[in-house]
Amino acid sequence: MRGKKLYSLSFLLLFLAAGSIFYFKDSFLIASNSFKCLKCHKGKDSLETYFQQGRFKTAEELRKLVREGPKAGLHITSSDEDLEQAVRYLNLK
């Protein structure tokens, strides 16, 4: 009888641990895709569209476009951390 309780408790703990991992993994993915750039850059102005159109190909080109490009005035409040999140989001090198 005692062994049966131990197996039940072990199964319950394993089930709770697996559920927690799946829950936190999804919340982390949602948080990682909701950074400042994605608030404005949607649809035809999305970061992916700009990348596909060839406006930039590398992380350095993106940084230069944001800091010195024709729309640099709109990006004054964009921090270096925001830029690094965009670089990671687009998997640029």
Protein backbone atom coordinates (compact mmCIF):
# COMPACT_ATOMS: atom_id res chain seq x y z
CA MET A 1 0.00 0.00 0.00
CA ARG A 2 2.81 2.36 0.89
CA GLY A 3 4.54 1.80 -2.47
CA LYS A 4 1.36 2.65 -4.34
CA LYS A 5 1.14 6.03 -2.58
CA LEU A 6 4.76 6.73 -3.41
CA TYR A 7 4.18 6.02 -7.11
CA SER A 8 1.06 8.21 -7.11
CA LEU A 9 2.93 11.07 -5.47
CA SER A 10 5.84 10.69 -7.90
CA PHE A 11 3.48 10.72 -10.87
CA LEU A 12 1.70 13.82 -9.55
CA LEU A 13 4.99 15.69 -9.04
CA LEU A 14 6.20 14.72 -12.51
CA PHE A 15 2.91 15.87 -14.05
CA LEU A 16 3.07 19.23 -12.23
CA ALA A 17 6.70 19.77 -13.22
CA ALA A 18 5.99 19.06 -16.90
CA GLY A 19 2.97 21.37 -16.85
CA SER A 20 5.03 24.15 -15.28
CA ILE A 21 7.73 23.81 -17.91
CA PHE A 22 5.21 24.09 -20.75
CA TYR A 23 3.46 27.04 -19.12
CA PHE A 24 6.63 29.06 -18.53
CA LYS A 25 8.06 28.20 -21.95
CA ASP A 26 5.01 29.69 -23.67
CA SER A 27 4.98 32.79 -21.48
CA PHE A 28 8.68 33.32 -22.23
CA LEU A 29 8.06 33.09 -25.99
CA ILE A 30 5.23 35.60 -25.77
CA ALA A 31 7.37 38.00 -23.78
CA SER A 32 10.33 37.65 -26.13
CA ASN A 33 8.21 38.57 -29.17
CA SER A 34 6.60 41.65 -27.64
CA PHE A 35 9.43 44.15 -27.61
CA LYS A 36 9.17 47.84 -28.43
CA CYS A 37 9.86 47.62 -32.19
CA LEU A 38 6.87 45.36 -32.83
CA LYS A 39 4.45 47.96 -31.47
CA CYS A 40 4.92 50.18 -34.55
CA HIS A 41 6.40 47.85 -37.15
CA LYS A 42 3.38 45.83 -38.30
CA GLY A 43 2.01 44.68 -41.65
CA LYS A 44 3.79 46.22 -44.64
CA ASP A 45 6.13 48.07 -42.26
CA SER A 46 7.16 44.95 -40.33
CA LEU A 47 10.80 44.19 -39.62
CA GLU A 48 10.55 41.02 -41.68
CA THR A 49 9.25 42.97 -44.70
CA TYR A 50 12.08 45.49 -44.46
CA PHE A 51 14.58 42.64 -44.26
CA GLN A 52 13.04 40.85 -47.27
CA GLN A 53 13.04 44.09 -49.30
CA GLY A 54 16.79 44.32 -48.73
CA ARG A 55 16.81 47.52 -46.68
CA PHE A 56 19.36 45.81 -44.43
CA LYS A 57 21.11 42.45 -44.43
CA THR A 58 23.29 42.56 -41.33
CA ALA A 59 22.95 43.72 -37.75
CA GLU A 60 25.34 46.60 -38.41
CA GLU A 61 23.25 47.81 -41.38
CA LEU A 62 20.12 47.74 -39.20
CA ARG A 63 21.84 49.75 -36.46
CA LYS A 64 23.06 52.32 -38.99
CA LEU A 65 19.62 52.59 -40.62
CA VAL A 66 17.91 53.17 -37.27
CA ARG A 67 20.49 55.64 -35.94
CA GLU A 68 21.42 57.53 -39.13
CA GLY A 69 18.74 56.70 -41.70
CA PRO A 70 15.93 58.92 -43.00
CA LYS A 71 13.64 57.92 -40.09
CA ALA A 72 16.28 58.30 -37.37
CA GLY A 73 14.24 61.06 -35.73
CA LEU A 74 11.41 58.63 -35.06
CA HIS A 75 13.81 56.19 -33.41
CA ILE A 76 15.40 58.57 -30.88
CA THR A 77 13.70 56.75 -28.01
CA SER A 78 14.87 53.33 -29.22
CA SER A 79 17.57 52.08 -26.88
CA ASP A 80 20.53 49.90 -27.78
CA GLU A 81 18.75 47.06 -25.98
CA ASP A 82 15.74 47.48 -28.30
CA LEU A 83 18.05 47.25 -31.30
CA GLU A 84 19.71 44.12 -29.94
CA GLN A 85 16.28 42.53 -29.44
CA ALA A 86 15.45 43.31 -33.08
CA VAL A 87 18.76 41.76 -34.17
CA ARG A 88 18.00 38.58 -32.19
CA TYR A 89 14.39 38.57 -33.46
CA LEU A 90 15.57 38.61 -37.08
CA ASN A 91 18.58 36.32 -36.44
CA LEU A 92 20.98 38.83 -37.96
CA LYS A 93 24.75 38.55 -37.75
